[in-house]
Amino acid sequence: MVAATDAGSVLTPEWDLVVRPGDPEAVEQLFNAVAPNYDRLNDLLSFGMHRIWKRQLLGWLRPLPGGHWLDLCCGTGDLALVLARQLRPGGSVLALDVAEEPLAIAKQRAAVEPLLEISWLQADATDTGLPSYRFDGAVMAYGLRNLSDPAAGLKELRRLLRPGARAGVLDFNRTAEGSLAARFQRFYLRQLVVPVAAKVGLRDHYAYLEASLQQFPEGDVQVRLAREAGFSEACHRPLAAGQMGALLLTA
């Protein structure tokens, strides 16, 4: 692996990774490995704020009762559950993830609320195999950055949505190199995220976050890719002082 500078263009040896961003098989293995600790670490490392950001995303999208929505890269299902509650009565969620272990946890969580209409599917978000123009809306939280081809993921998302459908993509924001936000983000990832994850044996799995951000398109590029994918409207909104970002789309 390559060495690097504080500018963050590449990683220093102590931040060497076992997972290369964009490697679908390795990313699937990573999320299978972190699944048992994923929710606890998310709450701890974000101070519970990830739940607020996800609810804010839904607030912007305004899902209506009776709608049929898609949750791509659903992970352990926390966003799918909140969305399904908002779609009652008569609505449903199809929640999809490529990794088996997070889906198993999601199903267990959903079993506590059997009246929620949620279906679970193990599939690749860039090639779901689902029928076109099926959904009234869609969400994706912390998934686009992990796809082998984010542009292909946005094209697949557009294919699945009915005309006029709304979609929202929540993820870390790729901050401008050298900015205060970028320095804070690097400090946060290196001095908080990785050391905490290391305590449960997941040091390398969470060190992957920084590498994945270095290859993730910036907000304006995401907007361009979304328009090229066929979305009629696209905008990118920063969250958490620019540390997170939401790509808001209309099919």
Protein backbone atom coordinates (compact mmCIF):
# COMPACT_ATOMS: atom_id res chain seq x y z
CA MET A 1 0.00 0.00 0.00
CA VAL A 2 1.04 3.62 -0.51
CA ALA A 3 2.28 6.06 2.07
CA ALA A 4 0.98 9.57 2.34
CA THR A 5 0.97 13.10 3.60
CA ASP A 6 -1.29 15.06 5.96
CA ALA A 7 -2.95 16.49 2.86
CA GLY A 8 -4.89 13.23 2.86
CA SER A 9 -4.41 12.31 -0.80
CA VAL A 10 -3.45 8.81 0.33
CA LEU A 11 -3.11 7.03 3.65
CA THR A 12 -0.10 6.77 5.91
CA PRO A 13 1.25 3.29 6.66
CA GLU A 14 -0.43 3.16 10.07
CA TRP A 15 -3.75 3.66 8.25
CA ASP A 16 -3.11 0.84 5.78
CA LEU A 17 -6.32 -0.94 4.82
CA VAL A 18 -7.43 -4.46 4.16
CA VAL A 19 -10.36 -3.21 2.08
CA ARG A 20 -9.97 -1.32 -1.16
CA PRO A 21 -12.83 1.09 -1.91
CA GLY A 22 -14.88 -0.06 -4.88
CA ASP A 23 -14.14 -3.76 -4.39
CA PRO A 24 -17.68 -5.23 -4.15
CA GLU A 25 -16.68 -8.55 -2.59
CA ALA A 26 -14.43 -6.92 0.00
CA VAL A 27 -17.07 -4.33 0.91
CA GLU A 28 -19.66 -7.07 1.34
CA GLN A 29 -17.29 -8.97 3.64
CA LEU A 30 -16.59 -5.78 5.58
CA PHE A 31 -20.26 -5.12 6.33
CA ASN A 32 -20.86 -8.75 7.22
CA ALA A 33 -18.02 -8.47 9.73
CA VAL A 34 -19.14 -5.20 11.33
CA ALA A 35 -22.86 -6.05 11.43
CA PRO A 36 -23.03 -7.20 15.10
CA ASN A 37 -21.47 -3.92 16.30
CA TYR A 38 -22.72 -1.60 13.57
CA ASP A 39 -25.67 0.05 15.31
CA ARG A 40 -23.89 0.46 18.64
CA LEU A 41 -20.84 2.02 16.98
CA ASN A 42 -22.98 4.32 14.82
CA ASP A 43 -24.73 5.65 17.92
CA LEU A 44 -21.46 6.05 19.79
CA LEU A 45 -19.38 7.59 17.01
CA SER A 46 -22.05 10.04 15.84
CA PHE A 47 -23.31 10.75 19.38
CA GLY A 48 -26.67 9.52 18.12
CA MET A 49 -26.82 12.23 15.45
CA HIS A 50 -27.08 9.77 12.55
CA ARG A 51 -30.68 9.14 13.57
CA ILE A 52 -31.45 12.87 13.39
CA TRP A 53 -29.79 13.18 9.96
CA LYS A 54 -31.85 10.27 8.63
CA ARG A 55 -35.06 11.82 9.95
CA GLN A 56 -34.05 15.14 8.41
CA LEU A 57 -33.59 13.38 5.08
CA LEU A 58 -37.13 12.00 5.33
CA GLY A 59 -38.37 15.44 6.32
CA TRP A 60 -37.03 16.83 3.06
CA LEU A 61 -38.53 13.96 1.04
CA ARG A 62 -41.97 14.00 2.74
CA PRO A 63 -43.04 10.37 2.10
CA LEU A 64 -46.82 10.09 2.08
CA PRO A 65 -48.94 7.32 3.61
CA GLY A 66 -49.75 4.62 1.08
CA GLY A 67 -46.57 5.08 -0.92
CA HIS A 68 -44.26 2.29 -1.99
CA TRP A 69 -40.63 3.13 -1.32
CA LEU A 70 -37.22 1.58 -1.73
CA ASP A 71 -34.31 1.60 0.73
CA LEU A 72 -31.08 0.80 -1.13
CA CYS A 73 -28.07 -0.34 0.93
CA CYS A 74 -30.41 -0.64 3.92
CA GLY A 75 -27.83 -2.15 6.28
CA THR A 76 -29.37 -3.13 9.60
CA GLY A 77 -32.67 -1.51 8.70
CA ASP A 78 -32.99 1.53 10.99
CA LEU A 79 -33.97 3.93 8.19
CA ALA A 80 -36.30 1.37 6.57
CA LEU A 81 -38.19 1.03 9.87
CA VAL A 82 -38.64 4.78 10.31
CA LEU A 83 -39.74 5.11 6.68
CA ALA A 84 -42.24 2.25 6.96
CA ARG A 85 -43.86 3.91 9.97
CA GLN A 86 -44.34 7.11 7.97
CA LEU A 87 -45.90 5.21 5.04
CA ARG A 88 -48.71 3.73 7.14
CA PRO A 89 -51.45 3.01 6.37
CA GLY A 90 -51.21 1.13 3.10
CA GLY A 91 -47.60 1.88 2.25
CA SER A 92 -44.62 -0.43 2.01
CA VAL A 93 -40.83 -0.50 1.92
CA LEU A 94 -38.57 -2.82 -0.01
CA ALA A 95 -35.21 -2.76 1.76
CA LEU A 96 -32.21 -4.07 -0.12
CA ASP A 97 -28.61 -4.77 0.80
CA VAL A 98 -25.78 -6.80 -0.70
CA ALA A 99 -24.56 -8.15 2.66
CA GLU A 100 -26.29 -11.04 4.38
CA GLU A 101 -25.47 -10.35 8.04
CA PRO A 102 -26.85 -6.78 8.22
CA LEU A 103 -30.04 -8.01 6.55
CA ALA A 104 -30.41 -10.76 9.15
CA ILE A 105 -30.22 -8.16 11.93
CA ALA A 106 -32.68 -5.92 10.07
CA LYS A 107 -35.19 -8.76 9.84
CA GLN A 108 -34.88 -9.41 13.57
CA ARG A 109 -35.54 -5.74 14.32
CA ALA A 110 -38.55 -5.66 12.01
CA ALA A 111 -40.03 -8.74 13.65
CA VAL A 112 -40.76 -6.61 16.73
CA GLU A 113 -43.13 -4.51 14.60
CA PRO A 114 -44.97 -7.10 12.49
CA LEU A 115 -47.58 -4.60 11.29
CA LEU A 116 -44.98 -2.67 9.29
CA GLU A 117 -44.97 -3.54 5.59
CA ILE A 118 -41.27 -4.19 4.90
CA SER A 119 -39.78 -6.72 2.50
CA TRP A 120 -36.07 -7.58 2.56
CA LEU A 121 -33.93 -8.46 -0.44
CA GLN A 122 -30.26 -9.37 -0.77
CA ALA A 123 -29.05 -7.81 -4.02
CA ASP A 124 -26.53 -5.44 -5.59
CA ALA A 125 -27.73 -1.81 -5.61
CA THR A 126 -26.15 -1.26 -9.05
CA ASP A 127 -28.06 -4.20 -10.56
CA THR A 128 -31.12 -5.03 -8.48
CA GLY A 129 -33.03 -7.09 -11.03
CA LEU A 130 -36.24 -5.30 -10.00
CA PRO A 131 -38.85 -4.04 -12.49
CA SER A 132 -38.48 -0.48 -13.79
CA TYR A 133 -40.64 2.45 -12.60
CA ARG A 134 -41.90 0.54 -9.57
CA PHE A 135 -41.39 2.92 -6.63
CA ASP A 136 -42.84 6.22 -5.43
CA GLY A 137 -39.60 7.17 -3.70
CA ALA A 138 -36.28 5.89 -2.42
CA VAL A 139 -33.60 6.46 0.19
CA MET A 140 -29.98 5.42 0.49
CA ALA A 141 -27.99 6.10 3.67
CA TYR A 142 -24.22 5.59 3.68
CA GLY A 143 -24.36 3.33 0.65
CA LEU A 144 -23.49 5.31 -2.47
CA ARG A 145 -19.89 5.80 -1.30
CA ASN A 146 -19.44 2.04 -1.00
CA LEU A 147 -20.70 1.08 -4.45
CA SER A 148 -18.21 -0.11 -7.05
CA ASP A 149 -19.63 2.53 -9.41
CA PRO A 150 -21.68 5.36 -7.85
CA ALA A 151 -22.79 6.55 -11.31
CA ALA A 152 -24.19 3.10 -12.07
CA GLY A 153 -25.94 3.13 -8.70
CA LEU A 154 -27.65 6.42 -9.53
CA LYS A 155 -28.70 5.11 -12.95
CA GLU A 156 -30.21 2.01 -11.36
CA LEU A 157 -31.98 4.16 -8.79
CA ARG A 158 -33.49 6.33 -11.53
CA ARG A 159 -34.64 3.26 -13.46
CA LEU A 160 -36.57 1.99 -10.47
CA LEU A 161 -38.48 5.23 -9.78
CA ARG A 162 -41.74 6.40 -11.26
CA PRO A 163 -41.71 9.82 -12.98
CA GLY A 164 -41.87 12.55 -10.35
CA ALA A 165 -40.71 10.24 -7.54
CA ARG A 166 -38.39 11.69 -4.90
CA ALA A 167 -35.17 10.16 -3.63
CA GLY A 168 -32.55 11.10 -1.07
CA VAL A 169 -28.97 9.90 -0.63
CA LEU A 170 -27.30 10.56 2.74
CA ASP A 171 -23.56 10.06 3.22
CA PHE A 172 -20.35 11.56 4.49
CA ASN A 173 -19.47 14.74 2.64
CA ARG A 174 -16.19 14.90 0.79
CA THR A 175 -14.80 18.15 2.16
CA ALA A 176 -12.55 20.58 0.28
CA GLU A 177 -8.91 19.63 0.74
CA GLY A 178 -7.09 21.91 3.17
CA SER A 179 -10.29 23.36 4.62
CA LEU A 180 -11.09 23.48 8.32
CA ALA A 181 -13.88 20.97 7.68
CA ALA A 182 -11.43 18.58 6.03
CA ARG A 183 -8.96 18.85 8.90
CA PHE A 184 -11.71 18.21 11.42
CA GLN A 185 -13.00 15.26 9.41
CA ARG A 186 -9.53 13.69 9.28
CA PHE A 187 -9.04 14.23 13.00
CA TYR A 188 -12.47 12.73 13.75
CA LEU A 189 -11.84 9.64 11.62
CA ARG A 190 -8.29 9.01 12.82
CA GLN A 191 -8.50 10.02 16.46
CA LEU A 192 -12.04 8.94 17.36
CA VAL A 193 -13.58 6.54 14.86
CA VAL A 194 -10.69 4.15 14.33
CA PRO A 195 -9.50 3.96 17.98
CA VAL A 196 -13.06 3.27 19.19
CA ALA A 197 -13.60 0.63 16.48
CA ALA A 198 -10.26 -0.95 17.38
CA LYS A 199 -11.59 -1.73 20.85
CA VAL A 200 -14.02 -4.21 19.29
CA GLY A 201 -11.52 -5.60 16.78
CA LEU A 202 -12.68 -3.49 13.83
CA ARG A 203 -9.77 -1.07 13.40
CA ASP A 204 -9.09 -1.79 9.71
CA HIS A 205 -12.79 -1.98 8.87
CA TYR A 206 -13.35 1.60 10.07
CA ALA A 207 -10.05 2.93 8.76
CA TYR A 208 -11.64 2.13 5.39
CA LEU A 209 -13.90 5.17 5.86
CA GLU A 210 -11.13 7.64 5.09
CA ALA A 211 -10.01 5.81 1.96
CA SER A 212 -13.58 5.54 0.68
CA LEU A 213 -14.05 9.29 1.09
CA GLN A 214 -10.97 10.04 -1.00
CA GLN A 215 -12.67 8.36 -3.97
CA PHE A 216 -16.21 9.59 -3.30
CA PRO A 217 -17.50 12.28 -5.69
CA GLU A 218 -17.93 15.76 -4.24
CA GLY A 219 -21.44 17.18 -3.95
CA ASP A 220 -21.44 19.06 -7.25
CA VAL A 221 -20.15 15.97 -9.05
CA GLN A 222 -22.92 13.89 -7.47
CA VAL A 223 -25.44 16.39 -8.82
CA ARG A 224 -23.94 16.11 -12.31
CA LEU A 225 -23.95 12.30 -12.18
CA ALA A 226 -27.59 12.32 -11.05
CA ARG A 227 -28.63 14.52 -13.97
CA GLU A 228 -26.69 12.30 -16.35
CA ALA A 229 -28.56 9.35 -14.85
CA GLY A 230 -31.85 10.97 -15.89
CA PHE A 231 -33.07 12.78 -12.77
CA SER A 232 -34.99 15.94 -13.63
CA GLU A 233 -33.90 17.72 -10.44
CA ALA A 234 -30.85 17.28 -8.22
CA CYS A 235 -29.30 19.30 -5.42
CA HIS A 236 -26.75 18.58 -2.71
CA ARG A 237 -27.23 19.92 0.82
CA PRO A 238 -24.53 19.89 3.51
CA LEU A 239 -25.31 18.65 7.00
CA ALA A 240 -23.42 18.69 10.30
CA ALA A 241 -21.25 21.70 9.39
CA GLY A 242 -20.38 20.10 6.09
CA GLN A 243 -19.33 16.74 7.50
CA MET A 244 -22.36 15.00 5.97
CA GLY A 245 -24.26 15.63 2.78
CA ALA A 246 -27.69 14.85 1.31
CA LEU A 247 -28.26 14.43 -2.41
CA LEU A 248 -31.94 15.24 -3.06
CA LEU A 249 -33.41 13.98 -6.32
CA THR A 250 -36.59 14.08 -8.38
CA ALA A 251 -37.12 11.50 -11.12
